[in-house]
Amino acid sequence: MEIINARDEKLELTYPCSWSYKLIASEREALEKAIYDVIDEREHKLTHSKNSKGGKYVSMNLDMLVHNEDDRNFIYEALKQHQNIKMVL
């Protein structure tokens, strides 16, 4: 179990658990390629969140099972560093 302290809110995680990453990219196809590059064929659910007002960015939710803290952080860092992804929340 891990405790995350964000703005004095405590979140207790018991692994494995479902985790959601919000991803922002310039286009959906580039974002989908980045996800494939990072998690390969691992089971996941990708849903559209929204497009920016000017249509320059697309945001999507990636939901998947993470097995432990290292797994969750590895995926986060790998997505964050991918050239096709602008931001990971």
PDB file of N, CA and C in Angstrom:
ATOM      1  N   MET A   1       0.844  -1.173   0.000  1.00  0.00           N
ATOM      2  CA  MET A   1       0.000   0.000   0.000  1.00  0.00           C
ATOM      3  C   MET A   1       0.891   1.238   0.000  1.00  0.00           C
ATOM      4  N   GLU A   2       0.459   2.260  -0.741  1.00  0.00           N
ATOM      5  CA  GLU A   2       1.225   3.493  -0.860  1.00  0.00           C
ATOM      6  C   GLU A   2       0.303   4.652  -0.515  1.00  0.00           C
ATOM      7  N   ILE A   3       0.875   5.667   0.081  1.00  0.00           N
ATOM      8  CA  ILE A   3       0.099   6.871   0.377  1.00  0.00           C
ATOM      9  C   ILE A   3       0.687   8.002  -0.448  1.00  0.00           C
ATOM     10  N   ILE A   4      -0.169   8.661  -1.185  1.00  0.00           N
ATOM     11  CA  ILE A   4       0.248   9.794  -2.000  1.00  0.00           C
ATOM     12  C   ILE A   4      -0.262  11.056  -1.317  1.00  0.00           C
ATOM     13  N   ASN A   5       0.619  12.007  -1.118  1.00  0.00           N
ATOM     14  CA  ASN A   5       0.222  13.246  -0.463  1.00  0.00           C
ATOM     15  C   ASN A   5       0.192  14.357  -1.500  1.00  0.00           C
ATOM     16  N   ALA A   6      -0.985  14.759  -1.872  1.00  0.00           N
ATOM     17  CA  ALA A   6      -1.161  15.834  -2.836  1.00  0.00           C
ATOM     18  C   ALA A   6      -2.140  16.841  -2.237  1.00  0.00           C
ATOM     19  N   ARG A   7      -1.655  18.035  -2.002  1.00  0.00           N
ATOM     20  CA  ARG A   7      -2.497  19.089  -1.423  1.00  0.00           C
ATOM     21  C   ARG A   7      -3.184  18.620  -0.143  1.00  0.00           C
ATOM     22  N   ASP A   8      -2.434  17.963   0.712  1.00  0.00           N
ATOM     23  CA  ASP A   8      -2.923  17.469   1.998  1.00  0.00           C
ATOM     24  C   ASP A   8      -4.048  16.436   1.884  1.00  0.00           C
ATOM     25  N   GLU A   9      -4.262  15.907   0.679  1.00  0.00           N
ATOM     26  CA  GLU A   9      -5.230  14.831   0.522  1.00  0.00           C
ATOM     27  C   GLU A   9      -4.448  13.528   0.462  1.00  0.00           C
ATOM     28  N   LYS A  10      -4.905  12.527   1.196  1.00  0.00           N
ATOM     29  CA  LYS A  10      -4.201  11.249   1.195  1.00  0.00           C
ATOM     30  C   LYS A  10      -5.010  10.229   0.417  1.00  0.00           C
ATOM     31  N   LEU A  11      -4.315   9.546  -0.463  1.00  0.00           N
ATOM     32  CA  LEU A  11      -4.924   8.513  -1.281  1.00  0.00           C
ATOM     33  C   LEU A  11      -4.212   7.208  -0.971  1.00  0.00           C
ATOM     34  N   GLU A  12      -4.949   6.222  -0.557  1.00  0.00           N
ATOM     35  CA  GLU A  12      -4.354   4.929  -0.266  1.00  0.00           C
ATOM     36  C   GLU A  12      -4.581   4.015  -1.458  1.00  0.00           C
ATOM     37  N   LEU A  13      -3.491   3.432  -1.938  1.00  0.00           N
ATOM     38  CA  LEU A  13      -3.582   2.525  -3.072  1.00  0.00           C
ATOM     39  C   LEU A  13      -3.228   1.113  -2.631  1.00  0.00           C
ATOM     40  N   THR A  14      -4.035   0.177  -3.037  1.00  0.00           N
ATOM     41  CA  THR A  14      -3.751  -1.226  -2.822  1.00  0.00           C
ATOM     42  C   THR A  14      -3.587  -1.844  -4.200  1.00  0.00           C
ATOM     43  N   TYR A  15      -2.419  -2.377  -4.449  1.00  0.00           N
ATOM     44  CA  TYR A  15      -2.115  -2.928  -5.772  1.00  0.00           C
ATOM     45  C   TYR A  15      -2.455  -4.406  -5.838  1.00  0.00           C
ATOM     46  N   PRO A  16      -2.790  -4.894  -7.046  1.00  0.00           N
ATOM     47  CA  PRO A  16      -2.975  -4.143  -8.282  1.00  0.00           C
ATOM     48  C   PRO A  16      -4.253  -3.308  -8.213  1.00  0.00           C
ATOM     49  N   CYS A  17      -4.265  -2.224  -8.989  1.00  0.00           N
ATOM     50  CA  CYS A  17      -5.442  -1.358  -9.021  1.00  0.00           C
ATOM     51  C   CYS A  17      -5.567  -0.705 -10.395  1.00  0.00           C
ATOM     52  N   SER A  18      -6.754  -0.211 -10.660  1.00  0.00           N
ATOM     53  CA  SER A  18      -7.007   0.508 -11.903  1.00  0.00           C
ATOM     54  C   SER A  18      -6.467   1.923 -11.758  1.00  0.00           C
ATOM     55  N   TRP A  19      -5.810   2.421 -12.795  1.00  0.00           N
ATOM     56  CA  TRP A  19      -5.241   3.763 -12.751  1.00  0.00           C
ATOM     57  C   TRP A  19      -5.574   4.484 -14.041  1.00  0.00           C
ATOM     58  N   SER A  20      -5.803   5.770 -13.940  1.00  0.00           N
ATOM     59  CA  SER A  20      -6.170   6.572 -15.109  1.00  0.00           C
ATOM     60  C   SER A  20      -5.127   7.656 -15.334  1.00  0.00           C
ATOM     61  N   TYR A  21      -4.635   7.729 -16.567  1.00  0.00           N
ATOM     62  CA  TYR A  21      -3.713   8.787 -16.985  1.00  0.00           C
ATOM     63  C   TYR A  21      -4.460   9.666 -17.974  1.00  0.00           C
ATOM     64  N   LYS A  22      -4.377  10.978 -17.808  1.00  0.00           N
ATOM     65  CA  LYS A  22      -4.943  11.895 -18.800  1.00  0.00           C
ATOM     66  C   LYS A  22      -3.785  12.333 -19.675  1.00  0.00           C
ATOM     67  N   LEU A  23      -3.935  12.131 -20.981  1.00  0.00           N
ATOM     68  CA  LEU A  23      -2.869  12.404 -21.934  1.00  0.00           C
ATOM     69  C   LEU A  23      -3.282  13.508 -22.888  1.00  0.00           C
ATOM     70  N   ILE A  24      -2.358  14.413 -23.175  1.00  0.00           N
ATOM     71  CA  ILE A  24      -2.613  15.508 -24.105  1.00  0.00           C
ATOM     72  C   ILE A  24      -1.585  15.429 -25.219  1.00  0.00           C
ATOM     73  N   ALA A  25      -2.076  15.478 -26.458  1.00  0.00           N
ATOM     74  CA  ALA A  25      -1.205  15.404 -27.630  1.00  0.00           C
ATOM     75  C   ALA A  25      -1.774  16.303 -28.722  1.00  0.00           C
ATOM     76  N   SER A  26      -1.005  16.468 -29.788  1.00  0.00           N
ATOM     77  CA  SER A  26      -1.472  17.327 -30.878  1.00  0.00           C
ATOM     78  C   SER A  26      -2.491  16.615 -31.758  1.00  0.00           C
ATOM     79  N   GLU A  27      -2.440  15.290 -31.815  1.00  0.00           N
ATOM     80  CA  GLU A  27      -3.441  14.559 -32.598  1.00  0.00           C
ATOM     81  C   GLU A  27      -3.651  13.156 -32.040  1.00  0.00           C
ATOM     82  N   ARG A  28      -4.828  12.638 -32.263  1.00  0.00           N
ATOM     83  CA  ARG A  28      -5.215  11.338 -31.703  1.00  0.00           C
ATOM     84  C   ARG A  28      -4.309  10.209 -32.186  1.00  0.00           C
ATOM     85  N   GLU A  29      -4.009  10.177 -33.484  1.00  0.00           N
ATOM     86  CA  GLU A  29      -3.206   9.097 -34.042  1.00  0.00           C
ATOM     87  C   GLU A  29      -1.818   9.061 -33.407  1.00  0.00           C
ATOM     88  N   ALA A  30      -1.209  10.209 -33.178  1.00  0.00           N
ATOM     89  CA  ALA A  30       0.110  10.281 -32.547  1.00  0.00           C
ATOM     90  C   ALA A  30       0.029   9.789 -31.102  1.00  0.00           C
ATOM     91  N   LEU A  31      -1.044  10.137 -30.430  1.00  0.00           N
ATOM     92  CA  LEU A  31      -1.230   9.699 -29.054  1.00  0.00           C
ATOM     93  C   LEU A  31      -1.402   8.183 -28.994  1.00  0.00           C
ATOM     94  N   GLU A  32      -2.193   7.624 -29.906  1.00  0.00           N
ATOM     95  CA  GLU A  32      -2.393   6.177 -29.938  1.00  0.00           C
ATOM     96  C   GLU A  32      -1.078   5.445 -30.214  1.00  0.00           C
ATOM     97  N   LYS A  33      -0.247   5.985 -31.099  1.00  0.00           N
ATOM     98  CA  LYS A  33       1.050   5.382 -31.386  1.00  0.00           C
ATOM     99  C   LYS A  33       1.934   5.412 -30.146  1.00  0.00           C
ATOM    100  N   ALA A  34       1.927   6.522 -29.422  1.00  0.00           N
ATOM    101  CA  ALA A  34       2.726   6.654 -28.200  1.00  0.00           C
ATOM    102  C   ALA A  34       2.298   5.609 -27.173  1.00  0.00           C
ATOM    103  N   ILE A  35       1.003   5.424 -27.010  1.00  0.00           N
ATOM    104  CA  ILE A  35       0.499   4.434 -26.059  1.00  0.00           C
ATOM    105  C   ILE A  35       0.969   3.041 -26.459  1.00  0.00           C
ATOM    106  N   TYR A  36       0.878   2.720 -27.739  1.00  0.00           N
ATOM    107  CA  TYR A  36       1.345   1.413 -28.207  1.00  0.00           C
ATOM    108  C   TYR A  36       2.843   1.254 -27.951  1.00  0.00           C
ATOM    109  N   ASP A  37       3.609   2.304 -28.199  1.00  0.00           N
ATOM    110  CA  ASP A  37       5.057   2.264 -27.969  1.00  0.00           C
ATOM    111  C   ASP A  37       5.377   1.975 -26.501  1.00  0.00           C
ATOM    112  N   VAL A  38       4.593   2.529 -25.598  1.00  0.00           N
ATOM    113  CA  VAL A  38       4.878   2.410 -24.159  1.00  0.00           C
ATOM    114  C   VAL A  38       4.324   1.121 -23.558  1.00  0.00           C
ATOM    115  N   ILE A  39       3.067   0.809 -23.839  1.00  0.00           N
ATOM    116  CA  ILE A  39       2.458  -0.347 -23.152  1.00  0.00           C
ATOM    117  C   ILE A  39       2.248  -1.549 -24.063  1.00  0.00           C
ATOM    118  N   ASP A  40       2.621  -1.430 -25.337  1.00  0.00           N
ATOM    119  CA  ASP A  40       2.527  -2.520 -26.295  1.00  0.00           C
ATOM    120  C   ASP A  40       1.092  -3.026 -26.347  1.00  0.00           C
ATOM    121  N   GLU A  41       0.886  -4.305 -26.101  1.00  0.00           N
ATOM    122  CA  GLU A  41      -0.461  -4.862 -26.219  1.00  0.00           C
ATOM    123  C   GLU A  41      -1.108  -5.117 -24.865  1.00  0.00           C
ATOM    124  N   ARG A  42      -0.608  -4.445 -23.856  1.00  0.00           N
ATOM    125  CA  ARG A  42      -1.180  -4.580 -22.521  1.00  0.00           C
ATOM    126  C   ARG A  42      -2.621  -4.072 -22.533  1.00  0.00           C
ATOM    127  N   GLU A  43      -3.485  -4.752 -21.795  1.00  0.00           N
ATOM    128  CA  GLU A  43      -4.903  -4.393 -21.795  1.00  0.00           C
ATOM    129  C   GLU A  43      -5.095  -2.976 -21.248  1.00  0.00           C
ATOM    130  N   HIS A  44      -5.908  -2.192 -21.955  1.00  0.00           N
ATOM    131  CA  HIS A  44      -6.172  -0.817 -21.541  1.00  0.00           C
ATOM    132  C   HIS A  44      -7.472  -0.336 -22.194  1.00  0.00           C
ATOM    133  N   LYS A  45      -7.937   0.790 -21.713  1.00  0.00           N
ATOM    134  CA  LYS A  45      -9.125   1.437 -22.296  1.00  0.00           C
ATOM    135  C   LYS A  45      -8.744   2.880 -22.568  1.00  0.00           C
ATOM    136  N   LEU A  46      -8.939   3.315 -23.807  1.00  0.00           N
ATOM    137  CA  LEU A  46      -8.622   4.682 -24.208  1.00  0.00           C
ATOM    138  C   LEU A  46      -9.916   5.377 -24.601  1.00  0.00           C
ATOM    139  N   THR A  47     -10.217   6.494 -23.934  1.00  0.00           N
ATOM    140  CA  THR A  47     -11.440   7.230 -24.242  1.00  0.00           C
ATOM    141  C   THR A  47     -11.123   8.696 -24.490  1.00  0.00           C
ATOM    142  N   HIS A  48     -11.869   9.283 -25.404  1.00  0.00           N
ATOM    143  CA  HIS A  48     -11.686  10.695 -25.737  1.00  0.00           C
ATOM    144  C   HIS A  48     -12.168  11.546 -24.574  1.00  0.00           C
ATOM    145  N   SER A  49     -11.390  12.569 -24.237  1.00  0.00           N
ATOM    146  CA  SER A  49     -11.789  13.478 -23.172  1.00  0.00           C
ATOM    147  C   SER A  49     -12.338  14.764 -23.795  1.00  0.00           C
ATOM    148  N   LYS A  50     -11.446  15.504 -24.482  1.00  0.00           N
ATOM    149  CA  LYS A  50     -11.917  16.713 -25.172  1.00  0.00           C
ATOM    150  C   LYS A  50     -10.846  17.232 -26.117  1.00  0.00           C
ATOM    151  N   ASN A  51     -11.259  18.162 -26.954  1.00  0.00           N
ATOM    152  CA  ASN A  51     -10.335  18.861 -27.845  1.00  0.00           C
ATOM    153  C   ASN A  51     -10.186  20.284 -27.327  1.00  0.00           C
ATOM    154  N   SER A  52      -9.015  20.868 -27.566  1.00  0.00           N
ATOM    155  CA  SER A  52      -8.825  22.260 -27.158  1.00  0.00           C
ATOM    156  C   SER A  52      -9.716  23.165 -28.000  1.00  0.00           C
ATOM    157  N   LYS A  53      -9.943  24.353 -27.508  1.00  0.00           N
ATOM    158  CA  LYS A  53     -10.846  25.294 -28.169  1.00  0.00           C
ATOM    159  C   LYS A  53     -10.471  25.510 -29.636  1.00  0.00           C
ATOM    160  N   GLY A  54      -9.190  25.690 -29.896  1.00  0.00           N
ATOM    161  CA  GLY A  54      -8.740  25.926 -31.269  1.00  0.00           C
ATOM    162  C   GLY A  54      -8.486  24.655 -32.057  1.00  0.00           C
ATOM    163  N   GLY A  55      -8.648  23.492 -31.422  1.00  0.00           N
ATOM    164  CA  GLY A  55      -8.444  22.229 -32.103  1.00  0.00           C
ATOM    165  C   GLY A  55      -6.978  21.827 -32.237  1.00  0.00           C
ATOM    166  N   LYS A  56      -6.102  22.539 -31.528  1.00  0.00           N
ATOM    167  CA  LYS A  56      -4.673  22.261 -31.628  1.00  0.00           C
ATOM    168  C   LYS A  56      -4.268  21.030 -30.832  1.00  0.00           C
ATOM    169  N   TYR A  57      -5.019  20.713 -29.763  1.00  0.00           N
ATOM    170  CA  TYR A  57      -4.681  19.586 -28.903  1.00  0.00           C
ATOM    171  C   TYR A  57      -5.893  18.697 -28.663  1.00  0.00           C
ATOM    172  N   VAL A  58      -5.603  17.434 -28.417  1.00  0.00           N
ATOM    173  CA  VAL A  58      -6.634  16.468 -28.048  1.00  0.00           C
ATOM    174  C   VAL A  58      -6.229  15.870 -26.706  1.00  0.00           C
ATOM    175  N   SER A  59      -7.215  15.638 -25.862  1.00  0.00           N
ATOM    176  CA  SER A  59      -6.938  15.020 -24.575  1.00  0.00           C
ATOM    177  C   SER A  59      -7.739  13.727 -24.487  1.00  0.00           C
ATOM    178  N   MET A  60      -7.069  12.676 -23.969  1.00  0.00           N
ATOM    179  CA  MET A  60      -7.696  11.365 -23.860  1.00  0.00           C
ATOM    180  C   MET A  60      -7.361  10.757 -22.503  1.00  0.00           C
ATOM    181  N   ASN A  61      -8.215   9.845 -22.060  1.00  0.00           N
ATOM    182  CA  ASN A  61      -8.007   9.131 -20.802  1.00  0.00           C
ATOM    183  C   ASN A  61      -7.541   7.717 -21.110  1.00  0.00           C
ATOM    184  N   LEU A  62      -6.458   7.315 -20.457  1.00  0.00           N
ATOM    185  CA  LEU A  62      -5.946   5.959 -20.573  1.00  0.00           C
ATOM    186  C   LEU A  62      -6.177   5.272 -19.230  1.00  0.00           C
ATOM    187  N   ASP A  63      -7.028   4.257 -19.226  1.00  0.00           N
ATOM    188  CA  ASP A  63      -7.325   3.504 -18.012  1.00  0.00           C
ATOM    189  C   ASP A  63      -6.735   2.111 -18.151  1.00  0.00           C
ATOM    190  N   MET A  64      -6.022   1.684 -17.104  1.00  0.00           N
ATOM    191  CA  MET A  64      -5.413   0.362 -17.150  1.00  0.00           C
ATOM    192  C   MET A  64      -5.100  -0.133 -15.753  1.00  0.00           C
ATOM    193  N   LEU A  65      -4.797  -1.413 -15.653  1.00  0.00           N
ATOM    194  CA  LEU A  65      -4.427  -2.030 -14.391  1.00  0.00           C
ATOM    195  C   LEU A  65      -2.931  -1.837 -14.185  1.00  0.00           C
ATOM    196  N   VAL A  66      -2.567  -1.302 -13.035  1.00  0.00           N
ATOM    197  CA  VAL A  66      -1.146  -1.196 -12.679  1.00  0.00           C
ATOM    198  C   VAL A  66      -0.891  -2.175 -11.534  1.00  0.00           C
ATOM    199  N   HIS A  67       0.286  -2.807 -11.578  1.00  0.00           N
ATOM    200  CA  HIS A  67       0.568  -3.895 -10.646  1.00  0.00           C
ATOM    201  C   HIS A  67       1.223  -3.453  -9.349  1.00  0.00           C
ATOM    202  N   ASN A  68       1.946  -2.328  -9.400  1.00  0.00           N
ATOM    203  CA  ASN A  68       2.607  -1.808  -8.205  1.00  0.00           C
ATOM    204  C   ASN A  68       3.053  -0.378  -8.465  1.00  0.00           C
ATOM    205  N   GLU A  69       3.632   0.247  -7.473  1.00  0.00           N
ATOM    206  CA  GLU A  69       4.053   1.648  -7.604  1.00  0.00           C
ATOM    207  C   GLU A  69       5.074   1.832  -8.722  1.00  0.00           C
ATOM    208  N   ASP A  70       6.028   0.915  -8.818  1.00  0.00           N
ATOM    209  CA  ASP A  70       7.049   1.020  -9.869  1.00  0.00           C
ATOM    210  C   ASP A  70       6.421   0.940 -11.255  1.00  0.00           C
ATOM    211  N   ASP A  71       5.470   0.049 -11.424  1.00  0.00           N
ATOM    212  CA  ASP A  71       4.773  -0.105 -12.700  1.00  0.00           C
ATOM    213  C   ASP A  71       4.035   1.186 -13.048  1.00  0.00           C
ATOM    214  N   ARG A  72       3.295   1.716 -12.092  1.00  0.00           N
ATOM    215  CA  ARG A  72       2.525   2.952 -12.304  1.00  0.00           C
ATOM    216  C   ARG A  72       3.444   4.109 -12.671  1.00  0.00           C
ATOM    217  N   ASN A  73       4.548   4.260 -11.934  1.00  0.00           N
ATOM    218  CA  ASN A  73       5.487   5.355 -12.193  1.00  0.00           C
ATOM    219  C   ASN A  73       6.246   5.172 -13.501  1.00  0.00           C
ATOM    220  N   PHE A  74       6.599   3.930 -13.830  1.00  0.00           N
ATOM    221  CA  PHE A  74       7.306   3.668 -15.079  1.00  0.00           C
ATOM    222  C   PHE A  74       6.450   4.082 -16.272  1.00  0.00           C
ATOM    223  N   ILE A  75       5.186   3.690 -16.257  1.00  0.00           N
ATOM    224  CA  ILE A  75       4.278   4.038 -17.354  1.00  0.00           C
ATOM    225  C   ILE A  75       4.127   5.553 -17.444  1.00  0.00           C
ATOM    226  N   TYR A  76       3.939   6.210 -16.306  1.00  0.00           N
ATOM    227  CA  TYR A  76       3.813   7.667 -16.275  1.00  0.00           C
ATOM    228  C   TYR A  76       5.041   8.327 -16.911  1.00  0.00           C
ATOM    229  N   GLU A  77       6.222   7.942 -16.466  1.00  0.00           N
ATOM    230  CA  GLU A  77       7.458   8.550 -16.976  1.00  0.00           C
ATOM    231  C   GLU A  77       7.659   8.258 -18.457  1.00  0.00           C
ATOM    232  N   ALA A  78       7.388   7.034 -18.879  1.00  0.00           N
ATOM    233  CA  ALA A  78       7.559   6.669 -20.287  1.00  0.00           C
ATOM    234  C   ALA A  78       6.597   7.451 -21.176  1.00  0.00           C
ATOM    235  N   LEU A  79       5.356   7.620 -20.730  1.00  0.00           N
ATOM    236  CA  LEU A  79       4.394   8.423 -21.495  1.00  0.00           C
ATOM    237  C   LEU A  79       4.833   9.884 -21.533  1.00  0.00           C
ATOM    238  N   LYS A  80       5.273  10.392 -20.393  1.00  0.00           N
ATOM    239  CA  LYS A  80       5.684  11.795 -20.284  1.00  0.00           C
ATOM    240  C   LYS A  80       6.870  12.106 -21.211  1.00  0.00           C
ATOM    241  N   GLN A  81       7.761  11.147 -21.366  1.00  0.00           N
ATOM    242  CA  GLN A  81       8.958  11.365 -22.172  1.00  0.00           C
ATOM    243  C   GLN A  81       8.752  11.091 -23.659  1.00  0.00           C
ATOM    244  N   HIS A  82       7.617  10.502 -24.036  1.00  0.00           N
ATOM    245  CA  HIS A  82       7.384  10.180 -25.438  1.00  0.00           C
ATOM    246  C   HIS A  82       7.211  11.457 -26.255  1.00  0.00           C
ATOM    247  N   GLN A  83       7.845  11.501 -27.403  1.00  0.00           N
ATOM    248  CA  GLN A  83       7.828  12.717 -28.232  1.00  0.00           C
ATOM    249  C   GLN A  83       6.427  13.106 -28.725  1.00  0.00           C
ATOM    250  N   ASN A  84       5.508  12.161 -28.823  1.00  0.00           N
ATOM    251  CA  ASN A  84       4.172  12.467 -29.339  1.00  0.00           C
ATOM    252  C   ASN A  84       3.225  13.015 -28.265  1.00  0.00           C
ATOM    253  N   ILE A  85       3.616  12.923 -27.010  1.00  0.00           N
ATOM    254  CA  ILE A  85       2.737  13.348 -25.912  1.00  0.00           C
ATOM    255  C   ILE A  85       3.221  14.676 -25.349  1.00  0.00           C
ATOM    256  N   LYS A  86       2.314  15.628 -25.267  1.00  0.00           N
ATOM    257  CA  LYS A  86       2.645  16.959 -24.752  1.00  0.00           C
ATOM    258  C   LYS A  86       2.617  17.013 -23.237  1.00  0.00           C
ATOM    259  N   MET A  87       1.642  16.287 -22.623  1.00  0.00           N
ATOM    260  CA  MET A  87       1.488  16.353 -21.168  1.00  0.00           C
ATOM    261  C   MET A  87       0.778  15.103 -20.658  1.00  0.00           C
ATOM    262  N   VAL A  88       1.156  14.675 -19.451  1.00  0.00           N
ATOM    263  CA  VAL A  88       0.502  13.556 -18.769  1.00  0.00           C
ATOM    264  C   VAL A  88       0.050  14.048 -17.398  1.00  0.00           C
ATOM    265  N   LEU A  89      -1.217  13.825 -17.087  1.00  0.00           N
ATOM    266  CA  LEU A  89      -1.764  14.217 -15.788  1.00  0.00           C
ATOM    267  C   LEU A  89      -2.218  12.980 -15.038  1.00  0.00           C
TER     268      LEU A  89
END
